[in-house]
Amino acid sequence: MRWTCPSCQQPLSVRDDNKGLACQNNHQFDYAKQGYVNLLLADQKSSKNPGDNPEMIQARHRFLQQGFYLPLVERIAHHVNQRLDHVLAHKIHSTDAALTTLTLLDSGCGEGYYSRELAALIEQNIALYAFDISKAAVKKAAGLHKQASAQAVLQHAHSDKGYDFTAFFGVASSFNIPVQANSIDVALSVFAPFDEASVLATLAPNGIFIRVLPSNMHLQQLKSEIYQQANEHKAPKPLLQLQKIAQEHVTFTAHLTPTAYTQLRAMTPFNFSGNKNDSSSMNHQHTPQEQQATQPMTCDFILEVFTRHDNR
């Protein structure tokens, strides 16, 4: 267990009643029905329900599960697998299964798509710690994992190769990551805000941090339809406390049905900005004939890999 108490930063462990977590100072965090814990303190919230709302989460799930962004996940997996031996070098001589497990952190996990798909592409035992400031997002992610576990989908994908996959979900802030220091082998942030110092503190010896951001032409067709003048995405700000060891420009074209296009728009901030009169397409019921038509959508990303400067 890598979670820490958000109140006193002491390690959390499963309570004797198996209904939640507790630290040595007796701060208690109950499991929700879906299996996640809420580690977000009241003074870490900027609103009553921060983060993405349930409608955005549901739209994102419906869009992503169709595999449109799978090429991006495959490139993330490539960079993890390429560095797996180095990342786990400090564990390689251990005979303890817990110590030979890759510890994966999904910061700002949303509904969990990226880490869920990534786990199936990494040939290693994995312990996932996934969190988001949106309670609706974590509820969805934990529920999907619980459902998949019950159906043995994730376990089956790994068990064929002899690997285990366990996951822990929490509501938390990426600026106060409730994870033990030096405990994470791979930290992941896909389109999510994060605090560099907090990420750095979590990284284990030889750990890596993978950041994915939209590049210049990402969703350009959608932006052009919404805005009179569509601005390009700005270049990512350099990180000062982490050392960049790789960067890749990932670009491809997705061919979207009208329904998928509507789902894409609903899952992005574009749905709440731009041309307010362009809402009719969001509510239009597409005929079977219209669903046969697809439109191209540019998917354009910057994928960066970082490690500690000391690389210890």
C-alpha atoms as a PDB file:
ATOM      1  CA  MET A   1       0.000   0.000   0.000  1.00  0.00           C
ATOM      2  CA  ARG A   2       1.542   3.311  -1.164  1.00  0.00           C
ATOM      3  CA  TRP A   3      -1.188   5.767  -0.136  1.00  0.00           C
ATOM      4  CA  THR A   4      -0.361   8.266   2.586  1.00  0.00           C
ATOM      5  CA  CYS A   5      -2.638  10.175   4.924  1.00  0.00           C
ATOM      6  CA  PRO A   6      -3.451  13.629   3.505  1.00  0.00           C
ATOM      7  CA  SER A   7      -3.686  15.027   7.039  1.00  0.00           C
ATOM      8  CA  CYS A   8      -0.356  13.887   8.510  1.00  0.00           C
ATOM      9  CA  GLN A   9       1.469  12.256   5.557  1.00  0.00           C
ATOM     10  CA  GLN A  10       1.915   8.984   7.435  1.00  0.00           C
ATOM     11  CA  PRO A  11       1.507   5.706   5.507  1.00  0.00           C
ATOM     12  CA  LEU A  12      -2.003   4.308   5.231  1.00  0.00           C
ATOM     13  CA  SER A  13      -2.844   0.653   5.690  1.00  0.00           C
ATOM     14  CA  VAL A  14      -5.994  -1.423   5.431  1.00  0.00           C
ATOM     15  CA  ARG A  15      -8.044  -1.359   8.611  1.00  0.00           C
ATOM     16  CA  ASP A  16      -8.774  -4.526  10.537  1.00  0.00           C
ATOM     17  CA  ASP A  17     -12.398  -4.398   9.403  1.00  0.00           C
ATOM     18  CA  ASN A  18     -11.317  -4.207   5.733  1.00  0.00           C
ATOM     19  CA  LYS A  19     -13.732  -1.325   5.208  1.00  0.00           C
ATOM     20  CA  GLY A  20     -11.187   1.417   4.701  1.00  0.00           C
ATOM     21  CA  LEU A  21      -7.726   2.773   5.408  1.00  0.00           C
ATOM     22  CA  ALA A  22      -6.149   4.312   8.510  1.00  0.00           C
ATOM     23  CA  CYS A  23      -2.825   5.817   9.540  1.00  0.00           C
ATOM     24  CA  GLN A  24      -0.973   5.488  12.851  1.00  0.00           C
ATOM     25  CA  ASN A  25      -2.621   8.726  14.014  1.00  0.00           C
ATOM     26  CA  ASN A  26      -6.010   7.076  13.519  1.00  0.00           C
ATOM     27  CA  HIS A  27      -7.167   9.220  10.621  1.00  0.00           C
ATOM     28  CA  GLN A  28      -9.819   7.094   8.906  1.00  0.00           C
ATOM     29  CA  PHE A  29     -10.822   6.842   5.244  1.00  0.00           C
ATOM     30  CA  ASP A  30     -13.701   4.551   4.324  1.00  0.00           C
ATOM     31  CA  TYR A  31     -13.975   2.634   1.064  1.00  0.00           C
ATOM     32  CA  ALA A  32     -16.769   3.767  -1.216  1.00  0.00           C
ATOM     33  CA  LYS A  33     -19.008   1.112  -2.743  1.00  0.00           C
ATOM     34  CA  GLN A  34     -16.872   1.120  -5.873  1.00  0.00           C
ATOM     35  CA  GLY A  35     -13.719   0.525  -3.792  1.00  0.00           C
ATOM     36  CA  TYR A  36     -12.025   3.934  -3.887  1.00  0.00           C
ATOM     37  CA  VAL A  37     -11.083   6.199  -0.973  1.00  0.00           C
ATOM     38  CA  ASN A  38     -11.522   9.959  -0.709  1.00  0.00           C
ATOM     39  CA  LEU A  39      -8.161  11.504   0.228  1.00  0.00           C
ATOM     40  CA  LEU A  40      -9.082  15.062  -0.743  1.00  0.00           C
ATOM     41  CA  LEU A  41      -9.246  17.428   2.213  1.00  0.00           C
ATOM     42  CA  ALA A  42     -11.770  20.262   2.311  1.00  0.00           C
ATOM     43  CA  ASP A  43      -9.057  22.943   2.144  1.00  0.00           C
ATOM     44  CA  GLN A  44      -7.703  21.349  -1.057  1.00  0.00           C
ATOM     45  CA  LYS A  45     -10.986  21.934  -2.911  1.00  0.00           C
ATOM     46  CA  SER A  46     -11.655  25.079  -4.922  1.00  0.00           C
ATOM     47  CA  SER A  47     -15.358  24.233  -5.218  1.00  0.00           C
ATOM     48  CA  LYS A  48     -17.888  21.785  -3.830  1.00  0.00           C
ATOM     49  CA  ASN A  49     -17.328  19.324  -6.683  1.00  0.00           C
ATOM     50  CA  PRO A  50     -14.007  20.147  -8.391  1.00  0.00           C
ATOM     51  CA  GLY A  51     -12.863  18.577 -11.629  1.00  0.00           C
ATOM     52  CA  ASP A  52     -14.821  17.100 -14.509  1.00  0.00           C
ATOM     53  CA  ASN A  53     -18.548  16.561 -14.067  1.00  0.00           C
ATOM     54  CA  PRO A  54     -20.337  13.210 -14.600  1.00  0.00           C
ATOM     55  CA  GLU A  55     -21.529  14.189 -18.085  1.00  0.00           C
ATOM     56  CA  MET A  56     -17.980  14.870 -19.292  1.00  0.00           C
ATOM     57  CA  ILE A  57     -16.739  11.653 -17.689  1.00  0.00           C
ATOM     58  CA  GLN A  58     -19.444   9.559 -19.336  1.00  0.00           C
ATOM     59  CA  ALA A  59     -18.844  11.163 -22.734  1.00  0.00           C
ATOM     60  CA  ARG A  60     -15.108  10.536 -22.387  1.00  0.00           C
ATOM     61  CA  HIS A  61     -15.673   6.897 -21.487  1.00  0.00           C
ATOM     62  CA  ARG A  62     -17.997   6.309 -24.426  1.00  0.00           C
ATOM     63  CA  PHE A  63     -15.540   7.940 -26.816  1.00  0.00           C
ATOM     64  CA  LEU A  64     -12.320   6.375 -25.528  1.00  0.00           C
ATOM     65  CA  GLN A  65     -13.658   2.825 -25.273  1.00  0.00           C
ATOM     66  CA  GLN A  66     -14.047   2.842 -29.058  1.00  0.00           C
ATOM     67  CA  GLY A  67     -10.239   2.849 -29.347  1.00  0.00           C
ATOM     68  CA  PHE A  68      -9.706   6.179 -31.102  1.00  0.00           C
ATOM     69  CA  TYR A  69      -6.747   7.052 -28.847  1.00  0.00           C
ATOM     70  CA  LEU A  70      -5.264   3.557 -28.675  1.00  0.00           C
ATOM     71  CA  PRO A  71      -2.304   4.552 -30.914  1.00  0.00           C
ATOM     72  CA  LEU A  72      -1.313   7.029 -28.193  1.00  0.00           C
ATOM     73  CA  VAL A  73      -1.499   4.352 -25.490  1.00  0.00           C
ATOM     74  CA  GLU A  74       0.668   2.076 -27.611  1.00  0.00           C
ATOM     75  CA  ARG A  75       3.385   4.726 -27.828  1.00  0.00           C
ATOM     76  CA  ILE A  76       3.254   5.276 -24.053  1.00  0.00           C
ATOM     77  CA  ALA A  77       3.624   1.515 -23.587  1.00  0.00           C
ATOM     78  CA  HIS A  78       6.587   1.500 -25.975  1.00  0.00           C
ATOM     79  CA  HIS A  79       8.464   4.020 -23.828  1.00  0.00           C
ATOM     80  CA  VAL A  80       7.661   2.140 -20.611  1.00  0.00           C
ATOM     81  CA  ASN A  81       8.657  -1.257 -21.988  1.00  0.00           C
ATOM     82  CA  GLN A  82      11.821   0.192 -23.525  1.00  0.00           C
ATOM     83  CA  ARG A  83      12.976   1.325 -20.079  1.00  0.00           C
ATOM     84  CA  LEU A  84      11.480  -1.446 -17.952  1.00  0.00           C
ATOM     85  CA  ASP A  85      14.744  -3.154 -17.022  1.00  0.00           C
ATOM     86  CA  HIS A  86      16.339   0.137 -16.006  1.00  0.00           C
ATOM     87  CA  VAL A  87      13.282   1.329 -14.077  1.00  0.00           C
ATOM     88  CA  LEU A  88      13.139  -1.926 -12.097  1.00  0.00           C
ATOM     89  CA  ALA A  89      16.918  -2.362 -11.727  1.00  0.00           C
ATOM     90  CA  HIS A  90      16.766  -1.726  -7.978  1.00  0.00           C
ATOM     91  CA  LYS A  91      14.183  -4.520  -7.625  1.00  0.00           C
ATOM     92  CA  ILE A  92      15.538  -7.098 -10.018  1.00  0.00           C
ATOM     93  CA  HIS A  93      17.353  -9.235  -7.438  1.00  0.00           C
ATOM     94  CA  SER A  94      14.396  -9.398  -5.075  1.00  0.00           C
ATOM     95  CA  THR A  95      12.484 -12.650  -4.616  1.00  0.00           C
ATOM     96  CA  ASP A  96       9.548 -10.807  -3.045  1.00  0.00           C
ATOM     97  CA  ALA A  97       6.729 -10.534  -5.599  1.00  0.00           C
ATOM     98  CA  ALA A  98       5.613  -7.234  -4.071  1.00  0.00           C
ATOM     99  CA  LEU A  99       9.079  -5.790  -4.655  1.00  0.00           C
ATOM    100  CA  THR A 100       9.257  -6.972  -8.273  1.00  0.00           C
ATOM    101  CA  THR A 101       5.985  -5.252  -9.137  1.00  0.00           C
ATOM    102  CA  LEU A 102       5.956  -2.128 -11.287  1.00  0.00           C
ATOM    103  CA  THR A 103       4.286   0.654  -9.307  1.00  0.00           C
ATOM    104  CA  LEU A 104       2.317   2.866 -11.703  1.00  0.00           C
ATOM    105  CA  LEU A 105       0.852   6.254 -10.754  1.00  0.00           C
ATOM    106  CA  ASP A 106      -1.908   7.748 -12.917  1.00  0.00           C
ATOM    107  CA  SER A 107      -2.139  11.407 -11.923  1.00  0.00           C
ATOM    108  CA  GLY A 108      -5.423  12.970 -12.987  1.00  0.00           C
ATOM    109  CA  CYS A 109      -6.643   9.578 -14.135  1.00  0.00           C
ATOM    110  CA  GLY A 110     -10.112  10.617 -15.292  1.00  0.00           C
ATOM    111  CA  GLU A 111     -12.185   7.502 -15.939  1.00  0.00           C
ATOM    112  CA  GLY A 112      -9.001   5.419 -15.994  1.00  0.00           C
ATOM    113  CA  TYR A 113      -8.756   4.639 -19.697  1.00  0.00           C
ATOM    114  CA  TYR A 114      -5.044   5.270 -20.230  1.00  0.00           C
ATOM    115  CA  SER A 115      -3.675   3.307 -17.274  1.00  0.00           C
ATOM    116  CA  ARG A 116      -6.251   0.554 -17.815  1.00  0.00           C
ATOM    117  CA  GLU A 117      -5.163   0.034 -21.423  1.00  0.00           C
ATOM    118  CA  LEU A 118      -1.504   0.594 -20.614  1.00  0.00           C
ATOM    119  CA  ALA A 119      -1.506  -2.198 -18.033  1.00  0.00           C
ATOM    120  CA  ALA A 120      -2.480  -4.715 -20.702  1.00  0.00           C
ATOM    121  CA  LEU A 121       0.534  -3.702 -22.814  1.00  0.00           C
ATOM    122  CA  ILE A 122       3.210  -3.950 -20.099  1.00  0.00           C
ATOM    123  CA  GLU A 123       4.663  -7.399 -19.460  1.00  0.00           C
ATOM    124  CA  GLN A 124       5.177  -7.005 -15.730  1.00  0.00           C
ATOM    125  CA  ASN A 125       3.286  -7.336 -12.444  1.00  0.00           C
ATOM    126  CA  ILE A 126       1.614  -3.964 -11.900  1.00  0.00           C
ATOM    127  CA  ALA A 127       0.264  -2.113  -8.892  1.00  0.00           C
ATOM    128  CA  LEU A 128      -1.680   0.937 -10.077  1.00  0.00           C
ATOM    129  CA  TYR A 129      -2.390   3.989  -7.930  1.00  0.00           C
ATOM    130  CA  ALA A 130      -4.844   6.187  -9.816  1.00  0.00           C
ATOM    131  CA  PHE A 131      -6.328   9.433  -8.571  1.00  0.00           C
ATOM    132  CA  ASP A 132      -8.236  12.461  -9.767  1.00  0.00           C
ATOM    133  CA  ILE A 133      -9.661  15.540  -8.093  1.00  0.00           C
ATOM    134  CA  SER A 134     -13.030  14.716  -9.666  1.00  0.00           C
ATOM    135  CA  LYS A 135     -15.011  12.353  -7.474  1.00  0.00           C
ATOM    136  CA  ALA A 136     -17.191  11.474 -10.454  1.00  0.00           C
ATOM    137  CA  ALA A 137     -14.105  10.458 -12.435  1.00  0.00           C
ATOM    138  CA  VAL A 138     -12.667   8.244  -9.693  1.00  0.00           C
ATOM    139  CA  LYS A 139     -16.049   6.688  -9.048  1.00  0.00           C
ATOM    140  CA  LYS A 140     -16.262   5.770 -12.728  1.00  0.00           C
ATOM    141  CA  ALA A 141     -12.672   4.493 -12.918  1.00  0.00           C
ATOM    142  CA  ALA A 142     -12.988   2.354  -9.798  1.00  0.00           C
ATOM    143  CA  GLY A 143     -16.354   1.030 -10.897  1.00  0.00           C
ATOM    144  CA  LEU A 144     -15.010   0.033 -14.310  1.00  0.00           C
ATOM    145  CA  HIS A 145     -12.079  -1.752 -12.707  1.00  0.00           C
ATOM    146  CA  LYS A 146     -14.331  -3.530 -10.245  1.00  0.00           C
ATOM    147  CA  GLN A 147     -16.614  -4.626 -13.064  1.00  0.00           C
ATOM    148  CA  ALA A 148     -13.685  -5.848 -15.155  1.00  0.00           C
ATOM    149  CA  SER A 149     -12.209  -7.680 -12.189  1.00  0.00           C
ATOM    150  CA  ALA A 150     -15.479  -9.462 -11.572  1.00  0.00           C
ATOM    151  CA  GLN A 151     -15.470 -10.564 -15.197  1.00  0.00           C
ATOM    152  CA  ALA A 152     -11.765 -11.488 -14.935  1.00  0.00           C
ATOM    153  CA  VAL A 153     -11.028  -9.408 -18.038  1.00  0.00           C
ATOM    154  CA  LEU A 154      -7.950  -7.615 -16.754  1.00  0.00           C
ATOM    155  CA  GLN A 155      -6.706 -10.631 -14.829  1.00  0.00           C
ATOM    156  CA  HIS A 156      -7.156 -12.829 -17.886  1.00  0.00           C
ATOM    157  CA  ALA A 157      -5.186 -10.413 -20.053  1.00  0.00           C
ATOM    158  CA  HIS A 158      -2.287 -10.585 -17.611  1.00  0.00           C
ATOM    159  CA  SER A 159      -2.626 -14.163 -16.403  1.00  0.00           C
ATOM    160  CA  ASP A 160      -1.998 -15.533 -19.906  1.00  0.00           C
ATOM    161  CA  LYS A 161       1.494 -14.127 -19.537  1.00  0.00           C
ATOM    162  CA  GLY A 162       1.779 -14.856 -15.832  1.00  0.00           C
ATOM    163  CA  TYR A 163       1.424 -11.248 -14.628  1.00  0.00           C
ATOM    164  CA  ASP A 164      -0.780  -9.752 -11.924  1.00  0.00           C
ATOM    165  CA  PHE A 165      -2.595  -6.428 -12.003  1.00  0.00           C
ATOM    166  CA  THR A 166      -3.964  -4.702  -8.892  1.00  0.00           C
ATOM    167  CA  ALA A 167      -5.393  -1.208  -8.723  1.00  0.00           C
ATOM    168  CA  PHE A 168      -6.095   1.340  -5.999  1.00  0.00           C
ATOM    169  CA  PHE A 169      -8.196   4.450  -6.618  1.00  0.00           C
ATOM    170  CA  GLY A 170      -8.452   7.693  -4.684  1.00  0.00           C
ATOM    171  CA  VAL A 171      -9.921  11.172  -4.875  1.00  0.00           C
ATOM    172  CA  ALA A 172      -6.961  13.508  -4.434  1.00  0.00           C
ATOM    173  CA  SER A 173      -5.238  16.629  -5.687  1.00  0.00           C
ATOM    174  CA  SER A 174      -2.291  16.420  -8.078  1.00  0.00           C
ATOM    175  CA  PHE A 175      -0.743  19.287  -6.099  1.00  0.00           C
ATOM    176  CA  ASN A 176      -0.816  17.221  -2.897  1.00  0.00           C
ATOM    177  CA  ILE A 177      -0.192  13.674  -4.117  1.00  0.00           C
ATOM    178  CA  PRO A 178      -0.973  11.300  -1.202  1.00  0.00           C
ATOM    179  CA  VAL A 179       1.666   8.712  -2.127  1.00  0.00           C
ATOM    180  CA  GLN A 180       4.788   7.609  -0.273  1.00  0.00           C
ATOM    181  CA  ALA A 181       8.037   9.264  -1.302  1.00  0.00           C
ATOM    182  CA  ASN A 182      10.374   7.388  -3.658  1.00  0.00           C
ATOM    183  CA  SER A 183       7.766   4.667  -4.275  1.00  0.00           C
ATOM    184  CA  ILE A 184       6.590   5.135  -7.881  1.00  0.00           C
ATOM    185  CA  ASP A 185       8.341   3.489 -10.834  1.00  0.00           C
ATOM    186  CA  VAL A 186       6.272   5.108 -13.597  1.00  0.00           C
ATOM    187  CA  ALA A 187       4.202   8.254 -13.112  1.00  0.00           C
ATOM    188  CA  LEU A 188       1.758   9.203 -15.852  1.00  0.00           C
ATOM    189  CA  SER A 189      -0.046  12.460 -16.590  1.00  0.00           C
ATOM    190  CA  VAL A 190      -2.232  12.618 -19.705  1.00  0.00           C
ATOM    191  CA  PHE A 191      -3.825  16.043 -20.339  1.00  0.00           C
ATOM    192  CA  ALA A 192      -3.909  16.663 -16.584  1.00  0.00           C
ATOM    193  CA  PRO A 193      -2.478  19.465 -14.444  1.00  0.00           C
ATOM    194  CA  PHE A 194       0.270  18.425 -12.060  1.00  0.00           C
ATOM    195  CA  ASP A 195       2.856  19.805  -9.659  1.00  0.00           C
ATOM    196  CA  GLU A 196       6.428  18.986 -10.687  1.00  0.00           C
ATOM    197  CA  ALA A 197       7.774  18.923  -7.124  1.00  0.00           C
ATOM    198  CA  SER A 198       5.001  16.561  -6.007  1.00  0.00           C
ATOM    199  CA  VAL A 199       5.691  14.191  -8.904  1.00  0.00           C
ATOM    200  CA  LEU A 200       9.425  14.307  -8.241  1.00  0.00           C
ATOM    201  CA  ALA A 201       8.904  13.383  -4.599  1.00  0.00           C
ATOM    202  CA  THR A 202       7.011  10.224  -5.540  1.00  0.00           C
ATOM    203  CA  LEU A 203       9.539   8.830  -8.033  1.00  0.00           C
ATOM    204  CA  ALA A 204      11.531   5.763  -7.015  1.00  0.00           C
ATOM    205  CA  PRO A 205      15.191   5.237  -7.955  1.00  0.00           C
ATOM    206  CA  ASN A 206      15.307   5.122 -11.761  1.00  0.00           C
ATOM    207  CA  GLY A 207      11.630   6.081 -11.876  1.00  0.00           C
ATOM    208  CA  ILE A 208      10.256   7.902 -14.912  1.00  0.00           C
ATOM    209  CA  PHE A 209       7.523  10.466 -15.448  1.00  0.00           C
ATOM    210  CA  ILE A 210       5.564  10.480 -18.712  1.00  0.00           C
ATOM    211  CA  ARG A 211       3.689  13.626 -19.659  1.00  0.00           C
ATOM    212  CA  VAL A 212       1.268  13.799 -22.601  1.00  0.00           C
ATOM    213  CA  LEU A 213      -0.060  17.123 -23.841  1.00  0.00           C
ATOM    214  CA  PRO A 214      -1.982  18.242 -26.930  1.00  0.00           C
ATOM    215  CA  SER A 215       0.226  19.475 -29.755  1.00  0.00           C
ATOM    216  CA  ASN A 216      -0.382  22.256 -32.291  1.00  0.00           C
ATOM    217  CA  MET A 217      -2.982  20.622 -34.514  1.00  0.00           C
ATOM    218  CA  HIS A 218      -4.848  18.513 -31.952  1.00  0.00           C
ATOM    219  CA  LEU A 219      -8.586  18.421 -32.745  1.00  0.00           C
ATOM    220  CA  GLN A 220      -8.086  21.243 -35.219  1.00  0.00           C
ATOM    221  CA  GLN A 221     -11.250  20.387 -37.185  1.00  0.00           C
ATOM    222  CA  LEU A 222     -13.346  20.548 -34.006  1.00  0.00           C
ATOM    223  CA  LYS A 223     -11.794  23.838 -32.913  1.00  0.00           C
ATOM    224  CA  SER A 224     -12.297  25.351 -36.350  1.00  0.00           C
ATOM    225  CA  GLU A 225     -15.991  24.532 -36.216  1.00  0.00           C
ATOM    226  CA  ILE A 226     -16.466  26.039 -32.765  1.00  0.00           C
ATOM    227  CA  TYR A 227     -14.234  29.113 -32.921  1.00  0.00           C
ATOM    228  CA  GLN A 228     -14.130  31.820 -35.568  1.00  0.00           C
ATOM    229  CA  GLN A 229     -10.358  31.780 -35.177  1.00  0.00           C
ATOM    230  CA  ALA A 230      -8.916  28.551 -33.764  1.00  0.00           C
ATOM    231  CA  ASN A 231      -5.682  29.066 -31.834  1.00  0.00           C
ATOM    232  CA  GLU A 232      -2.945  26.464 -31.847  1.00  0.00           C
ATOM    233  CA  HIS A 233      -1.990  24.783 -28.582  1.00  0.00           C
ATOM    234  CA  LYS A 234       0.969  26.422 -26.884  1.00  0.00           C
ATOM    235  CA  ALA A 235       4.246  24.554 -26.497  1.00  0.00           C
ATOM    236  CA  PRO A 236       4.561  22.832 -23.084  1.00  0.00           C
ATOM    237  CA  LYS A 237       6.436  24.631 -20.349  1.00  0.00           C
ATOM    238  CA  PRO A 238       9.828  23.071 -19.597  1.00  0.00           C
ATOM    239  CA  LEU A 239      10.221  21.179 -16.335  1.00  0.00           C
ATOM    240  CA  LEU A 240      13.077  22.437 -14.190  1.00  0.00           C
ATOM    241  CA  GLN A 241      13.378  19.713 -11.548  1.00  0.00           C
ATOM    242  CA  LEU A 242      13.161  16.706 -13.864  1.00  0.00           C
ATOM    243  CA  GLN A 243      15.442  15.706 -16.717  1.00  0.00           C
ATOM    244  CA  LYS A 244      13.910  15.043 -20.137  1.00  0.00           C
ATOM    245  CA  ILE A 245      15.267  11.841 -21.670  1.00  0.00           C
ATOM    246  CA  ALA A 246      12.887  11.393 -24.598  1.00  0.00           C
ATOM    247  CA  GLN A 247      10.258  13.269 -26.594  1.00  0.00           C
ATOM    248  CA  GLU A 248       7.984  12.070 -29.363  1.00  0.00           C
ATOM    249  CA  HIS A 249       5.430  13.795 -31.564  1.00  0.00           C
ATOM    250  CA  VAL A 250       2.484  11.391 -31.886  1.00  0.00           C
ATOM    251  CA  THR A 251       0.012  12.258 -34.609  1.00  0.00           C
ATOM    252  CA  PHE A 252      -2.672  10.276 -36.414  1.00  0.00           C
ATOM    253  CA  THR A 253      -6.125  10.718 -37.914  1.00  0.00           C
ATOM    254  CA  ALA A 254      -9.247   9.282 -36.318  1.00  0.00           C
ATOM    255  CA  HIS A 255     -12.351   8.791 -38.445  1.00  0.00           C
ATOM    256  CA  LEU A 256     -15.362   9.681 -36.343  1.00  0.00           C
ATOM    257  CA  THR A 257     -19.006   8.842 -36.781  1.00  0.00           C
ATOM    258  CA  PRO A 258     -21.424  11.688 -35.942  1.00  0.00           C
ATOM    259  CA  THR A 259     -22.064  10.070 -32.543  1.00  0.00           C
ATOM    260  CA  ALA A 260     -18.347   9.783 -31.779  1.00  0.00           C
ATOM    261  CA  TYR A 261     -17.875  13.414 -32.818  1.00  0.00           C
ATOM    262  CA  THR A 262     -20.596  14.485 -30.391  1.00  0.00           C
ATOM    263  CA  GLN A 263     -19.008  12.416 -27.612  1.00  0.00           C
ATOM    264  CA  LEU A 264     -15.603  13.946 -28.330  1.00  0.00           C
ATOM    265  CA  ARG A 265     -16.952  17.449 -28.107  1.00  0.00           C
ATOM    266  CA  ALA A 266     -18.865  16.689 -24.903  1.00  0.00           C
ATOM    267  CA  MET A 267     -15.714  15.375 -23.188  1.00  0.00           C
ATOM    268  CA  THR A 268     -13.632  18.480 -23.891  1.00  0.00           C
ATOM    269  CA  PRO A 269     -13.700  22.043 -22.532  1.00  0.00           C
ATOM    270  CA  PHE A 270     -14.743  23.136 -26.020  1.00  0.00           C
ATOM    271  CA  ASN A 271     -18.264  22.064 -25.082  1.00  0.00           C
ATOM    272  CA  PHE A 272     -18.461  24.978 -22.653  1.00  0.00           C
ATOM    273  CA  SER A 273     -16.876  27.675 -24.792  1.00  0.00           C
ATOM    274  CA  GLY A 274     -16.734  28.974 -28.327  1.00  0.00           C
ATOM    275  CA  ASN A 275     -19.845  29.439 -30.446  1.00  0.00           C
ATOM    276  CA  LYS A 276     -22.804  29.240 -28.063  1.00  0.00           C
ATOM    277  CA  ASN A 277     -25.173  29.048 -31.013  1.00  0.00           C
ATOM    278  CA  ASP A 278     -23.556  25.835 -32.241  1.00  0.00           C
ATOM    279  CA  SER A 279     -25.493  23.567 -29.906  1.00  0.00           C
ATOM    280  CA  SER A 280     -27.952  22.074 -32.368  1.00  0.00           C
ATOM    281  CA  SER A 281     -25.462  19.446 -33.548  1.00  0.00           C
ATOM    282  CA  MET A 282     -24.990  18.305 -29.952  1.00  0.00           C
ATOM    283  CA  ASN A 283     -28.669  17.421 -29.644  1.00  0.00           C
ATOM    284  CA  HIS A 284     -29.276  16.146 -33.171  1.00  0.00           C
ATOM    285  CA  GLN A 285     -30.432  12.530 -33.417  1.00  0.00           C
ATOM    286  CA  HIS A 286     -28.445  10.907 -36.213  1.00  0.00           C
ATOM    287  CA  THR A 287     -30.130   8.600 -38.696  1.00  0.00           C
ATOM    288  CA  PRO A 288     -28.554   5.224 -39.578  1.00  0.00           C
ATOM    289  CA  GLN A 289     -27.564   6.707 -42.923  1.00  0.00           C
ATOM    290  CA  GLU A 290     -25.797   9.627 -41.238  1.00  0.00           C
ATOM    291  CA  GLN A 291     -23.956   7.219 -38.945  1.00  0.00           C
ATOM    292  CA  GLN A 292     -22.368   5.559 -41.964  1.00  0.00           C
ATOM    293  CA  ALA A 293     -20.513   8.765 -42.769  1.00  0.00           C
ATOM    294  CA  THR A 294     -17.285   9.592 -40.951  1.00  0.00           C
ATOM    295  CA  GLN A 295     -15.220  12.718 -40.706  1.00  0.00           C
ATOM    296  CA  PRO A 296     -11.469  12.921 -40.121  1.00  0.00           C
ATOM    297  CA  MET A 297     -10.147  14.325 -36.853  1.00  0.00           C
ATOM    298  CA  THR A 298      -6.489  15.173 -36.304  1.00  0.00           C
ATOM    299  CA  CYS A 299      -5.102  13.713 -33.087  1.00  0.00           C
ATOM    300  CA  ASP A 300      -1.826  15.441 -32.281  1.00  0.00           C
ATOM    301  CA  PHE A 301       0.164  14.906 -29.074  1.00  0.00           C
ATOM    302  CA  ILE A 302       3.502  15.624 -27.454  1.00  0.00           C
ATOM    303  CA  LEU A 303       4.771  12.701 -25.392  1.00  0.00           C
ATOM    304  CA  GLU A 304       7.675  13.431 -23.030  1.00  0.00           C
ATOM    305  CA  VAL A 305       9.646  11.138 -20.739  1.00  0.00           C
ATOM    306  CA  PHE A 306      11.482  12.487 -17.697  1.00  0.00           C
ATOM    307  CA  THR A 307      13.649  11.059 -14.951  1.00  0.00           C
ATOM    308  CA  ARG A 308      15.265  12.424 -11.820  1.00  0.00           C
ATOM    309  CA  HIS A 309      18.396  14.502 -12.325  1.00  0.00           C
ATOM    310  CA  ASP A 310      20.200  12.333  -9.783  1.00  0.00           C
ATOM    311  CA  ASN A 311      18.777   9.155 -11.439  1.00  0.00           C
ATOM    312  CA  ARG A 312      19.389   7.377  -8.171  1.00  0.00           C
END
